[in-house]
Amino acid sequence: MDQGQFEGTFNDAAGTVKKAAGDITGDSKLQAEGMLDQATGKLQQGLGRARETFRSVVDDVSTQARSAAATAQEQAGTVGEAIEATVHERPLLALAAAGAIGYVIAFLIHRK
């Protein structure tokens, strides 16, 4: 339970008691204070639940982001291993590909 929810529950209960005391004694000011405390308590409870929900969503997103990063890192490692294997198996093809990539980059840099 969030601190705000705890305080809200306390204020709501205190407001209920105040309102009941005002009802019994006929004190309209005490009744109004009780109703205000109840409203304040309910608001605090709602805000506490909202904070709790927000934290939960942030935790879920954070967990999913870590999982996605781990998957991407794993896949990058796999791609790197595949490229390394291709370079060892077909060095001339790798050299030609590197040359072509270098040529394209140079062309893109120096075009006007």
PDB file of N, CA and C in Angstrom:
ATOM      1  N   MET A   1       0.847  -1.178   0.000  1.00  0.00           N
ATOM      2  CA  MET A   1       0.000   0.000   0.000  1.00  0.00           C
ATOM      3  C   MET A   1       0.890   1.238   0.000  1.00  0.00           C
ATOM      4  N   ASP A   2       0.588   2.152  -0.865  1.00  0.00           N
ATOM      5  CA  ASP A   2       1.307   3.413  -0.990  1.00  0.00           C
ATOM      6  C   ASP A   2       1.048   4.277   0.243  1.00  0.00           C
ATOM      7  N   GLN A   3       2.014   5.134   0.586  1.00  0.00           N
ATOM      8  CA  GLN A   3       1.877   6.029   1.749  1.00  0.00           C
ATOM      9  C   GLN A   3       0.629   6.898   1.616  1.00  0.00           C
ATOM     10  N   GLY A   4       0.374   7.382   0.411  1.00  0.00           N
ATOM     11  CA  GLY A   4      -0.811   8.211   0.173  1.00  0.00           C
ATOM     12  C   GLY A   4      -2.096   7.442   0.418  1.00  0.00           C
ATOM     13  N   GLN A   5      -2.110   6.168   0.027  1.00  0.00           N
ATOM     14  CA  GLN A   5      -3.290   5.346   0.270  1.00  0.00           C
ATOM     15  C   GLN A   5      -3.502   5.153   1.772  1.00  0.00           C
ATOM     16  N   PHE A   6      -2.409   4.933   2.490  1.00  0.00           N
ATOM     17  CA  PHE A   6      -2.502   4.744   3.937  1.00  0.00           C
ATOM     18  C   PHE A   6      -3.059   6.007   4.599  1.00  0.00           C
ATOM     19  N   GLU A   7      -2.482   7.163   4.243  1.00  0.00           N
ATOM     20  CA  GLU A   7      -2.955   8.422   4.806  1.00  0.00           C
ATOM     21  C   GLU A   7      -4.402   8.695   4.406  1.00  0.00           C
ATOM     22  N   GLY A   8      -4.733   8.352   3.166  1.00  0.00           N
ATOM     23  CA  GLY A   8      -6.102   8.552   2.698  1.00  0.00           C
ATOM     24  C   GLY A   8      -7.092   7.700   3.462  1.00  0.00           C
ATOM     25  N   THR A   9      -6.724   6.449   3.726  1.00  0.00           N
ATOM     26  CA  THR A   9      -7.597   5.564   4.502  1.00  0.00           C
ATOM     27  C   THR A   9      -7.796   6.126   5.909  1.00  0.00           C
ATOM     28  N   PHE A  10      -6.704   6.608   6.504  1.00  0.00           N
ATOM     29  CA  PHE A  10      -6.787   7.192   7.844  1.00  0.00           C
ATOM     30  C   PHE A  10      -7.689   8.428   7.843  1.00  0.00           C
ATOM     31  N   ASN A  11      -7.476   9.333   6.874  1.00  0.00           N
ATOM     32  CA  ASN A  11      -8.293  10.556   6.808  1.00  0.00           C
ATOM     33  C   ASN A  11      -9.756  10.248   6.529  1.00  0.00           C
ATOM     34  N   ASP A  12     -10.007   9.264   5.692  1.00  0.00           N
ATOM     35  CA  ASP A  12     -11.382   8.859   5.390  1.00  0.00           C
ATOM     36  C   ASP A  12     -12.066   8.341   6.651  1.00  0.00           C
ATOM     37  N   ALA A  13     -11.349   7.490   7.400  1.00  0.00           N
ATOM     38  CA  ALA A  13     -11.910   6.949   8.641  1.00  0.00           C
ATOM     39  C   ALA A  13     -12.120   8.052   9.672  1.00  0.00           C
ATOM     40  N   ALA A  14     -11.143   8.951   9.784  1.00  0.00           N
ATOM     41  CA  ALA A  14     -11.282  10.054  10.735  1.00  0.00           C
ATOM     42  C   ALA A  14     -12.453  10.951  10.345  1.00  0.00           C
ATOM     43  N   GLY A  15     -12.617  11.161   9.054  1.00  0.00           N
ATOM     44  CA  GLY A  15     -13.742  11.969   8.579  1.00  0.00           C
ATOM     45  C   GLY A  15     -15.075  11.318   8.877  1.00  0.00           C
ATOM     46  N   THR A  16     -15.120  10.006   8.742  1.00  0.00           N
ATOM     47  CA  THR A  16     -16.351   9.274   9.055  1.00  0.00           C
ATOM     48  C   THR A  16     -16.708   9.447  10.529  1.00  0.00           C
ATOM     49  N   VAL A  17     -15.697   9.339  11.382  1.00  0.00           N
ATOM     50  CA  VAL A  17     -15.917   9.501  12.820  1.00  0.00           C
ATOM     51  C   VAL A  17     -16.369  10.933  13.127  1.00  0.00           C
ATOM     52  N   LYS A  18     -15.679  11.912  12.523  1.00  0.00           N
ATOM     53  CA  LYS A  18     -16.054  13.315  12.755  1.00  0.00           C
ATOM     54  C   LYS A  18     -17.490  13.585  12.299  1.00  0.00           C
ATOM     55  N   LYS A  19     -17.828  13.090  11.132  1.00  0.00           N
ATOM     56  CA  LYS A  19     -19.173  13.315  10.600  1.00  0.00           C
ATOM     57  C   LYS A  19     -20.207  12.669  11.505  1.00  0.00           C
ATOM     58  N   ALA A  20     -19.931  11.453  11.964  1.00  0.00           N
ATOM     59  CA  ALA A  20     -20.866  10.766  12.861  1.00  0.00           C
ATOM     60  C   ALA A  20     -21.016  11.546  14.167  1.00  0.00           C
ATOM     61  N   ALA A  21     -19.901  12.066  14.687  1.00  0.00           N
ATOM     62  CA  ALA A  21     -19.964  12.854  15.915  1.00  0.00           C
ATOM     63  C   ALA A  21     -20.783  14.117  15.683  1.00  0.00           C
ATOM     64  N   GLY A  22     -20.594  14.726  14.523  1.00  0.00           N
ATOM     65  CA  GLY A  22     -21.377  15.917  14.187  1.00  0.00           C
ATOM     66  C   GLY A  22     -22.851  15.600  14.049  1.00  0.00           C
ATOM     67  N   ASP A  23     -23.163  14.428  13.466  1.00  0.00           N
ATOM     68  CA  ASP A  23     -24.562  14.003  13.339  1.00  0.00           C
ATOM     69  C   ASP A  23     -25.196  13.816  14.716  1.00  0.00           C
ATOM     70  N   ILE A  24     -24.456  13.176  15.605  1.00  0.00           N
ATOM     71  CA  ILE A  24     -24.977  12.877  16.941  1.00  0.00           C
ATOM     72  C   ILE A  24     -25.188  14.170  17.742  1.00  0.00           C
ATOM     73  N   THR A  25     -24.204  15.070  17.670  1.00  0.00           N
ATOM     74  CA  THR A  25     -24.277  16.301  18.470  1.00  0.00           C
ATOM     75  C   THR A  25     -25.053  17.409  17.778  1.00  0.00           C
ATOM     76  N   GLY A  26     -25.334  17.229  16.480  1.00  0.00           N
ATOM     77  CA  GLY A  26     -26.035  18.262  15.733  1.00  0.00           C
ATOM     78  C   GLY A  26     -25.125  19.418  15.342  1.00  0.00           C
ATOM     79  N   ASP A  27     -23.815  19.197  15.399  1.00  0.00           N
ATOM     80  CA  ASP A  27     -22.825  20.232  15.078  1.00  0.00           C
ATOM     81  C   ASP A  27     -22.563  20.188  13.565  1.00  0.00           C
ATOM     82  N   SER A  28     -23.126  21.156  12.847  1.00  0.00           N
ATOM     83  CA  SER A  28     -22.984  21.155  11.384  1.00  0.00           C
ATOM     84  C   SER A  28     -21.553  21.435  10.943  1.00  0.00           C
ATOM     85  N   LYS A  29     -20.818  22.209  11.755  1.00  0.00           N
ATOM     86  CA  LYS A  29     -19.409  22.476  11.414  1.00  0.00           C
ATOM     87  C   LYS A  29     -18.595  21.190  11.490  1.00  0.00           C
ATOM     88  N   LEU A  30     -18.821  20.396  12.516  1.00  0.00           N
ATOM     89  CA  LEU A  30     -18.108  19.128  12.667  1.00  0.00           C
ATOM     90  C   LEU A  30     -18.497  18.157  11.553  1.00  0.00           C
ATOM     91  N   GLN A  31     -19.769  18.179  11.175  1.00  0.00           N
ATOM     92  CA  GLN A  31     -20.225  17.342  10.059  1.00  0.00           C
ATOM     93  C   GLN A  31     -19.484  17.735   8.771  1.00  0.00           C
ATOM     94  N   ALA A  32     -19.397  19.033   8.526  1.00  0.00           N
ATOM     95  CA  ALA A  32     -18.729  19.529   7.314  1.00  0.00           C
ATOM     96  C   ALA A  32     -17.241  19.168   7.321  1.00  0.00           C
ATOM     97  N   GLU A  33     -16.597  19.312   8.478  1.00  0.00           N
ATOM     98  CA  GLU A  33     -15.187  18.929   8.592  1.00  0.00           C
ATOM     99  C   GLU A  33     -15.006  17.440   8.307  1.00  0.00           C
ATOM    100  N   GLY A  34     -15.927  16.647   8.836  1.00  0.00           N
ATOM    101  CA  GLY A  34     -15.867  15.202   8.603  1.00  0.00           C
ATOM    102  C   GLY A  34     -16.012  14.870   7.133  1.00  0.00           C
ATOM    103  N   MET A  35     -16.962  15.538   6.490  1.00  0.00           N
ATOM    104  CA  MET A  35     -17.164  15.284   5.056  1.00  0.00           C
ATOM    105  C   MET A  35     -15.941  15.727   4.252  1.00  0.00           C
ATOM    106  N   LEU A  36     -15.343  16.854   4.655  1.00  0.00           N
ATOM    107  CA  LEU A  36     -14.128  17.329   3.979  1.00  0.00           C
ATOM    108  C   LEU A  36     -12.979  16.338   4.188  1.00  0.00           C
ATOM    109  N   ASP A  37     -12.827  15.831   5.413  1.00  0.00           N
ATOM    110  CA  ASP A  37     -11.790  14.831   5.679  1.00  0.00           C
ATOM    111  C   ASP A  37     -12.015  13.562   4.863  1.00  0.00           C
ATOM    112  N   GLN A  38     -13.285  13.161   4.747  1.00  0.00           N
ATOM    113  CA  GLN A  38     -13.587  11.967   3.938  1.00  0.00           C
ATOM    114  C   GLN A  38     -13.211  12.198   2.472  1.00  0.00           C
ATOM    115  N   ALA A  39     -13.568  13.354   1.946  1.00  0.00           N
ATOM    116  CA  ALA A  39     -13.245  13.672   0.544  1.00  0.00           C
ATOM    117  C   ALA A  39     -11.733  13.729   0.342  1.00  0.00           C
ATOM    118  N   THR A  40     -11.049  14.346   1.295  1.00  0.00           N
ATOM    119  CA  THR A  40      -9.581  14.416   1.219  1.00  0.00           C
ATOM    120  C   THR A  40      -8.983  13.013   1.247  1.00  0.00           C
ATOM    121  N   GLY A  41      -9.511  12.181   2.129  1.00  0.00           N
ATOM    122  CA  GLY A  41      -9.020  10.803   2.234  1.00  0.00           C
ATOM    123  C   GLY A  41      -9.225  10.018   0.950  1.00  0.00           C
ATOM    124  N   LYS A  42     -10.404  10.166   0.372  1.00  0.00           N
ATOM    125  CA  LYS A  42     -10.680   9.449  -0.887  1.00  0.00           C
ATOM    126  C   LYS A  42      -9.758   9.928  -2.006  1.00  0.00           C
ATOM    127  N   LEU A  43      -9.502  11.232  -2.032  1.00  0.00           N
ATOM    128  CA  LEU A  43      -8.574  11.792  -3.028  1.00  0.00           C
ATOM    129  C   LEU A  43      -7.162  11.239  -2.817  1.00  0.00           C
ATOM    130  N   GLN A  44      -6.714  11.212  -1.572  1.00  0.00           N
ATOM    131  CA  GLN A  44      -5.386  10.666  -1.275  1.00  0.00           C
ATOM    132  C   GLN A  44      -5.299   9.189  -1.662  1.00  0.00           C
ATOM    133  N   GLN A  45      -6.361   8.444  -1.396  1.00  0.00           N
ATOM    134  CA  GLN A  45      -6.364   7.024  -1.776  1.00  0.00           C
ATOM    135  C   GLN A  45      -6.255   6.879  -3.292  1.00  0.00           C
ATOM    136  N   GLY A  46      -7.023   7.696  -4.019  1.00  0.00           N
ATOM    137  CA  GLY A  46      -6.981   7.632  -5.483  1.00  0.00           C
ATOM    138  C   GLY A  46      -5.610   7.991  -6.029  1.00  0.00           C
ATOM    139  N   LEU A  47      -5.013   9.045  -5.474  1.00  0.00           N
ATOM    140  CA  LEU A  47      -3.671   9.438  -5.919  1.00  0.00           C
ATOM    141  C   LEU A  47      -2.651   8.358  -5.580  1.00  0.00           C
ATOM    142  N   GLY A  48      -2.795   7.740  -4.423  1.00  0.00           N
ATOM    143  CA  GLY A  48      -1.890   6.657  -4.037  1.00  0.00           C
ATOM    144  C   GLY A  48      -1.995   5.481  -4.995  1.00  0.00           C
ATOM    145  N   ARG A  49      -3.237   5.129  -5.362  1.00  0.00           N
ATOM    146  CA  ARG A  49      -3.426   4.030  -6.333  1.00  0.00           C
ATOM    147  C   ARG A  49      -2.830   4.398  -7.684  1.00  0.00           C
ATOM    148  N   ALA A  50      -3.001   5.672  -8.083  1.00  0.00           N
ATOM    149  CA  ALA A  50      -2.436   6.122  -9.364  1.00  0.00           C
ATOM    150  C   ALA A  50      -0.913   6.036  -9.346  1.00  0.00           C
ATOM    151  N   ARG A  51      -0.301   6.466  -8.234  1.00  0.00           N
ATOM    152  CA  ARG A  51       1.164   6.368  -8.123  1.00  0.00           C
ATOM    153  C   ARG A  51       1.606   4.907  -8.178  1.00  0.00           C
ATOM    154  N   GLU A  52       0.884   4.053  -7.484  1.00  0.00           N
ATOM    155  CA  GLU A  52       1.219   2.629  -7.467  1.00  0.00           C
ATOM    156  C   GLU A  52       1.112   2.029  -8.873  1.00  0.00           C
ATOM    157  N   THR A  53       0.053   2.394  -9.584  1.00  0.00           N
ATOM    158  CA  THR A  53      -0.134   1.906 -10.957  1.00  0.00           C
ATOM    159  C   THR A  53       0.977   2.430 -11.857  1.00  0.00           C
ATOM    160  N   PHE A  54       1.320   3.708 -11.720  1.00  0.00           N
ATOM    161  CA  PHE A  54       2.385   4.296 -12.523  1.00  0.00           C
ATOM    162  C   PHE A  54       3.702   3.578 -12.278  1.00  0.00           C
ATOM    163  N   ARG A  55       4.025   3.339 -11.012  1.00  0.00           N
ATOM    164  CA  ARG A  55       5.272   2.621 -10.698  1.00  0.00           C
ATOM    165  C   ARG A  55       5.275   1.229 -11.312  1.00  0.00           C
ATOM    166  N   SER A  56       4.129   0.563 -11.251  1.00  0.00           N
ATOM    167  CA  SER A  56       4.030  -0.775 -11.825  1.00  0.00           C
ATOM    168  C   SER A  56       4.259  -0.741 -13.337  1.00  0.00           C
ATOM    169  N   VAL A  57       3.666   0.240 -14.003  1.00  0.00           N
ATOM    170  CA  VAL A  57       3.841   0.367 -15.456  1.00  0.00           C
ATOM    171  C   VAL A  57       5.296   0.660 -15.787  1.00  0.00           C
ATOM    172  N   VAL A  58       5.917   1.564 -15.028  1.00  0.00           N
ATOM    173  CA  VAL A  58       7.325   1.894 -15.261  1.00  0.00           C
ATOM    174  C   VAL A  58       8.199   0.659 -15.056  1.00  0.00           C
ATOM    175  N   ASP A  59       7.916  -0.116 -14.020  1.00  0.00           N
ATOM    176  CA  ASP A  59       8.684  -1.341 -13.783  1.00  0.00           C
ATOM    177  C   ASP A  59       8.513  -2.330 -14.931  1.00  0.00           C
ATOM    178  N   ASP A  60       7.268  -2.473 -15.427  1.00  0.00           N
ATOM    179  CA  ASP A  60       7.012  -3.390 -16.540  1.00  0.00           C
ATOM    180  C   ASP A  60       7.749  -2.946 -17.801  1.00  0.00           C
ATOM    181  N   VAL A  61       7.696  -1.655 -18.099  1.00  0.00           N
ATOM    182  CA  VAL A  61       8.377  -1.125 -19.286  1.00  0.00           C
ATOM    183  C   VAL A  61       9.889  -1.310 -19.151  1.00  0.00           C
ATOM    184  N   SER A  62      10.394  -1.058 -17.959  1.00  0.00           N
ATOM    185  CA  SER A  62      11.826  -1.218 -17.717  1.00  0.00           C
ATOM    186  C   SER A  62      12.255  -2.667 -17.915  1.00  0.00           C
ATOM    187  N   THR A  63      11.450  -3.591 -17.412  1.00  0.00           N
ATOM    188  CA  THR A  63      11.756  -5.014 -17.580  1.00  0.00           C
ATOM    189  C   THR A  63      11.724  -5.406 -19.049  1.00  0.00           C
ATOM    190  N   GLN A  64      10.725  -4.918 -19.773  1.00  0.00           N
ATOM    191  CA  GLN A  64      10.622  -5.240 -21.194  1.00  0.00           C
ATOM    192  C   GLN A  64      11.781  -4.623 -21.979  1.00  0.00           C
ATOM    193  N   ALA A  65      12.197  -3.419 -21.610  1.00  0.00           N
ATOM    194  CA  ALA A  65      13.319  -2.777 -22.297  1.00  0.00           C
ATOM    195  C   ALA A  65      14.613  -3.555 -22.056  1.00  0.00           C
ATOM    196  N   ARG A  66      14.814  -4.006 -20.830  1.00  0.00           N
ATOM    197  CA  ARG A  66      16.012  -4.814 -20.542  1.00  0.00           C
ATOM    198  C   ARG A  66      15.993  -6.110 -21.342  1.00  0.00           C
ATOM    199  N   SER A  67      14.825  -6.722 -21.421  1.00  0.00           N
ATOM    200  CA  SER A  67      14.699  -7.962 -22.184  1.00  0.00           C
ATOM    201  C   SER A  67      14.977  -7.722 -23.673  1.00  0.00           C
ATOM    202  N   ALA A  68      14.436  -6.626 -24.203  1.00  0.00           N
ATOM    203  CA  ALA A  68      14.665  -6.297 -25.620  1.00  0.00           C
ATOM    204  C   ALA A  68      16.139  -6.006 -25.868  1.00  0.00           C
ATOM    205  N   ALA A  69      16.786  -5.304 -24.944  1.00  0.00           N
ATOM    206  CA  ALA A  69      18.211  -5.005 -25.100  1.00  0.00           C
ATOM    207  C   ALA A  69      19.040  -6.282 -25.067  1.00  0.00           C
ATOM    208  N   ALA A  70      18.682  -7.195 -24.177  1.00  0.00           N
ATOM    209  CA  ALA A  70      19.414  -8.462 -24.104  1.00  0.00           C
ATOM    210  C   ALA A  70      19.232  -9.265 -25.384  1.00  0.00           C
ATOM    211  N   THR A  71      18.015  -9.273 -25.921  1.00  0.00           N
ATOM    212  CA  THR A  71      17.745  -9.988 -27.179  1.00  0.00           C
ATOM    213  C   THR A  71      18.522  -9.354 -28.329  1.00  0.00           C
ATOM    214  N   ALA A  72      18.523  -8.024 -28.391  1.00  0.00           N
ATOM    215  CA  ALA A  72      19.258  -7.334 -29.458  1.00  0.00           C
ATOM    216  C   ALA A  72      20.750  -7.609 -29.356  1.00  0.00           C
ATOM    217  N   GLN A  73      21.264  -7.610 -28.140  1.00  0.00           N
ATOM    218  CA  GLN A  73      22.687  -7.888 -27.942  1.00  0.00           C
ATOM    219  C   GLN A  73      23.011  -9.323 -28.375  1.00  0.00           C
ATOM    220  N   GLU A  74      22.139 -10.239 -28.035  1.00  0.00           N
ATOM    221  CA  GLU A  74      22.344 -11.637 -28.422  1.00  0.00           C
ATOM    222  C   GLU A  74      22.314 -11.789 -29.941  1.00  0.00           C
ATOM    223  N   GLN A  75      21.348 -11.117 -30.574  1.00  0.00           N
ATOM    224  CA  GLN A  75      21.237 -11.210 -32.033  1.00  0.00           C
ATOM    225  C   GLN A  75      22.418 -10.527 -32.712  1.00  0.00           C
ATOM    226  N   ALA A  76      22.895  -9.428 -32.156  1.00  0.00           N
ATOM    227  CA  ALA A  76      24.065  -8.754 -32.730  1.00  0.00           C
ATOM    228  C   ALA A  76      25.278  -9.657 -32.647  1.00  0.00           C
ATOM    229  N   GLY A  77      25.401 -10.362 -31.533  1.00  0.00           N
ATOM    230  CA  GLY A  77      26.504 -11.316 -31.394  1.00  0.00           C
ATOM    231  C   GLY A  77      26.400 -12.427 -32.418  1.00  0.00           C
ATOM    232  N   THR A  78      25.192 -12.904 -32.659  1.00  0.00           N
ATOM    233  CA  THR A  78      24.970 -13.966 -33.640  1.00  0.00           C
ATOM    234  C   THR A  78      25.303 -13.481 -35.041  1.00  0.00           C
ATOM    235  N   VAL A  79      24.894 -12.253 -35.375  1.00  0.00           N
ATOM    236  CA  VAL A  79      25.203 -11.680 -36.690  1.00  0.00           C
ATOM    237  C   VAL A  79      26.717 -11.516 -36.833  1.00  0.00           C
ATOM    238  N   GLY A  80      27.354 -11.034 -35.788  1.00  0.00           N
ATOM    239  CA  GLY A  80      28.813 -10.876 -35.807  1.00  0.00           C
ATOM    240  C   GLY A  80      29.519 -12.200 -36.023  1.00  0.00           C
ATOM    241  N   GLU A  81      29.026 -13.232 -35.364  1.00  0.00           N
ATOM    242  CA  GLU A  81      29.623 -14.563 -35.546  1.00  0.00           C
ATOM    243  C   GLU A  81      29.421 -15.055 -36.976  1.00  0.00           C
ATOM    244  N   ALA A  82      28.246 -14.786 -37.542  1.00  0.00           N
ATOM    245  CA  ALA A  82      27.972 -15.212 -38.916  1.00  0.00           C
ATOM    246  C   ALA A  82      28.885 -14.478 -39.899  1.00  0.00           C
ATOM    247  N   ILE A  83      29.088 -13.185 -39.667  1.00  0.00           N
ATOM    248  CA  ILE A  83      29.985 -12.417 -40.545  1.00  0.00           C
ATOM    249  C   ILE A  83      31.412 -12.934 -40.416  1.00  0.00           C
ATOM    250  N   GLU A  84      31.837 -13.191 -39.201  1.00  0.00           N
ATOM    251  CA  GLU A  84      33.188 -13.717 -38.987  1.00  0.00           C
ATOM    252  C   GLU A  84      33.375 -15.065 -39.680  1.00  0.00           C
ATOM    253  N   ALA A  85      32.368 -15.916 -39.595  1.00  0.00           N
ATOM    254  CA  ALA A  85      32.460 -17.226 -40.245  1.00  0.00           C
ATOM    255  C   ALA A  85      32.536 -17.072 -41.759  1.00  0.00           C
ATOM    256  N   THR A  86      31.749 -16.141 -42.305  1.00  0.00           N
ATOM    257  CA  THR A  86      31.768 -15.913 -43.751  1.00  0.00           C
ATOM    258  C   THR A  86      33.127 -15.379 -44.198  1.00  0.00           C
ATOM    259  N   VAL A  87      33.711 -14.479 -43.415  1.00  0.00           N
ATOM    260  CA  VAL A  87      35.030 -13.928 -43.751  1.00  0.00           C
ATOM    261  C   VAL A  87      36.073 -15.035 -43.770  1.00  0.00           C
ATOM    262  N   HIS A  88      36.001 -15.962 -42.820  1.00  0.00           N
ATOM    263  CA  HIS A  88      36.971 -17.058 -42.781  1.00  0.00           C
ATOM    264  C   HIS A  88      36.742 -18.067 -43.901  1.00  0.00           C
ATOM    265  N   GLU A  89      35.479 -18.310 -44.233  1.00  0.00           N
ATOM    266  CA  GLU A  89      35.166 -19.291 -45.270  1.00  0.00           C
ATOM    267  C   GLU A  89      35.405 -18.735 -46.676  1.00  0.00           C
ATOM    268  N   ARG A  90      35.099 -17.444 -46.886  1.00  0.00           N
ATOM    269  CA  ARG A  90      35.212 -16.835 -48.214  1.00  0.00           C
ATOM    270  C   ARG A  90      35.910 -15.482 -48.103  1.00  0.00           C
ATOM    271  N   PRO A  91      37.202 -15.476 -47.922  1.00  0.00           N
ATOM    272  CA  PRO A  91      37.910 -14.212 -47.707  1.00  0.00           C
ATOM    273  C   PRO A  91      37.854 -13.280 -48.917  1.00  0.00           C
ATOM    274  N   LEU A  92      37.879 -13.812 -50.131  1.00  0.00           N
ATOM    275  CA  LEU A  92      37.831 -12.945 -51.309  1.00  0.00           C
ATOM    276  C   LEU A  92      36.477 -12.251 -51.435  1.00  0.00           C
ATOM    277  N   LEU A  93      35.411 -12.965 -51.149  1.00  0.00           N
ATOM    278  CA  LEU A  93      34.078 -12.366 -51.173  1.00  0.00           C
ATOM    279  C   LEU A  93      33.981 -11.263 -50.116  1.00  0.00           C
ATOM    280  N   ALA A  94      34.533 -11.518 -48.937  1.00  0.00           N
ATOM    281  CA  ALA A  94      34.517 -10.516 -47.866  1.00  0.00           C
ATOM    282  C   ALA A  94      35.318  -9.288 -48.266  1.00  0.00           C
ATOM    283  N   LEU A  95      36.456  -9.506 -48.908  1.00  0.00           N
ATOM    284  CA  LEU A  95      37.287  -8.396 -49.354  1.00  0.00           C
ATOM    285  C   LEU A  95      36.557  -7.578 -50.424  1.00  0.00           C
ATOM    286  N   ALA A  96      35.892  -8.244 -51.349  1.00  0.00           N
ATOM    287  CA  ALA A  96      35.133  -7.549 -52.388  1.00  0.00           C
ATOM    288  C   ALA A  96      33.971  -6.765 -51.771  1.00  0.00           C
ATOM    289  N   ALA A  97      33.292  -7.340 -50.807  1.00  0.00           N
ATOM    290  CA  ALA A  97      32.180  -6.649 -50.152  1.00  0.00           C
ATOM    291  C   ALA A  97      32.685  -5.420 -49.401  1.00  0.00           C
ATOM    292  N   ALA A  98      33.802  -5.557 -48.695  1.00  0.00           N
ATOM    293  CA  ALA A  98      34.372  -4.420 -47.968  1.00  0.00           C
ATOM    294  C   ALA A  98      34.777  -3.318 -48.944  1.00  0.00           C
ATOM    295  N   GLY A  99      35.368  -3.691 -50.062  1.00  0.00           N
ATOM    296  CA  GLY A  99      35.749  -2.708 -51.072  1.00  0.00           C
ATOM    297  C   GLY A  99      34.533  -2.006 -51.646  1.00  0.00           C
ATOM    298  N   ALA A 100      33.479  -2.758 -51.926  1.00  0.00           N
ATOM    299  CA  ALA A 100      32.260  -2.158 -52.480  1.00  0.00           C
ATOM    300  C   ALA A 100      31.631  -1.193 -51.473  1.00  0.00           C
ATOM    301  N   ILE A 101      31.601  -1.592 -50.215  1.00  0.00           N
ATOM    302  CA  ILE A 101      31.045  -0.714 -49.176  1.00  0.00           C
ATOM    303  C   ILE A 101      31.885   0.560 -49.064  1.00  0.00           C
ATOM    304  N   GLY A 102      33.203   0.415 -49.098  1.00  0.00           N
ATOM    305  CA  GLY A 102      34.082   1.580 -49.042  1.00  0.00           C
ATOM    306  C   GLY A 102      33.867   2.493 -50.233  1.00  0.00           C
ATOM    307  N   TYR A 103      33.701   1.912 -51.425  1.00  0.00           N
ATOM    308  CA  TYR A 103      33.464   2.704 -52.625  1.00  0.00           C
ATOM    309  C   TYR A 103      32.158   3.486 -52.510  1.00  0.00           C
ATOM    310  N   VAL A 104      31.101   2.838 -52.033  1.00  0.00           N
ATOM    311  CA  VAL A 104      29.805   3.503 -51.892  1.00  0.00           C
ATOM    312  C   VAL A 104      29.900   4.644 -50.875  1.00  0.00           C
ATOM    313  N   ILE A 105      30.568   4.405 -49.771  1.00  0.00           N
ATOM    314  CA  ILE A 105      30.721   5.463 -48.762  1.00  0.00           C
ATOM    315  C   ILE A 105      31.510   6.633 -49.331  1.00  0.00           C
ATOM    316  N   ALA A 106      32.602   6.344 -50.052  1.00  0.00           N
ATOM    317  CA  ALA A 106      33.384   7.422 -50.656  1.00  0.00           C
ATOM    318  C   ALA A 106      32.553   8.196 -51.677  1.00  0.00           C
ATOM    319  N   PHE A 107      31.766   7.476 -52.465  1.00  0.00           N
ATOM    320  CA  PHE A 107      30.914   8.121 -53.456  1.00  0.00           C
ATOM    321  C   PHE A 107      29.911   9.041 -52.779  1.00  0.00           C
ATOM    322  N   LEU A 108      29.301   8.582 -51.708  1.00  0.00           N
ATOM    323  CA  LEU A 108      28.303   9.386 -50.996  1.00  0.00           C
ATOM    324  C   LEU A 108      28.929  10.622 -50.334  1.00  0.00           C
ATOM    325  N   ILE A 109      30.147  10.472 -49.859  1.00  0.00           N
ATOM    326  CA  ILE A 109      30.814  11.587 -49.198  1.00  0.00           C
ATOM    327  C   ILE A 109      31.245  12.651 -50.204  1.00  0.00           C
ATOM    328  N   HIS A 110      31.714  12.233 -51.370  1.00  0.00           N
ATOM    329  CA  HIS A 110      32.315  13.160 -52.318  1.00  0.00           C
ATOM    330  C   HIS A 110      31.381  13.596 -53.435  1.00  0.00           C
ATOM    331  N   ARG A 111      30.166  13.167 -53.464  1.00  0.00           N
ATOM    332  CA  ARG A 111      29.251  13.609 -54.522  1.00  0.00           C
ATOM    333  C   ARG A 111      28.805  15.033 -54.246  1.00  0.00           C
ATOM    334  N   LYS A 112      28.468  15.701 -55.326  1.00  0.00           N
ATOM    335  CA  LYS A 112      28.065  17.119 -55.169  1.00  0.00           C
ATOM    336  C   LYS A 112      26.706  17.352 -55.663  1.00  0.00           C
TER     337      LYS A 112
END
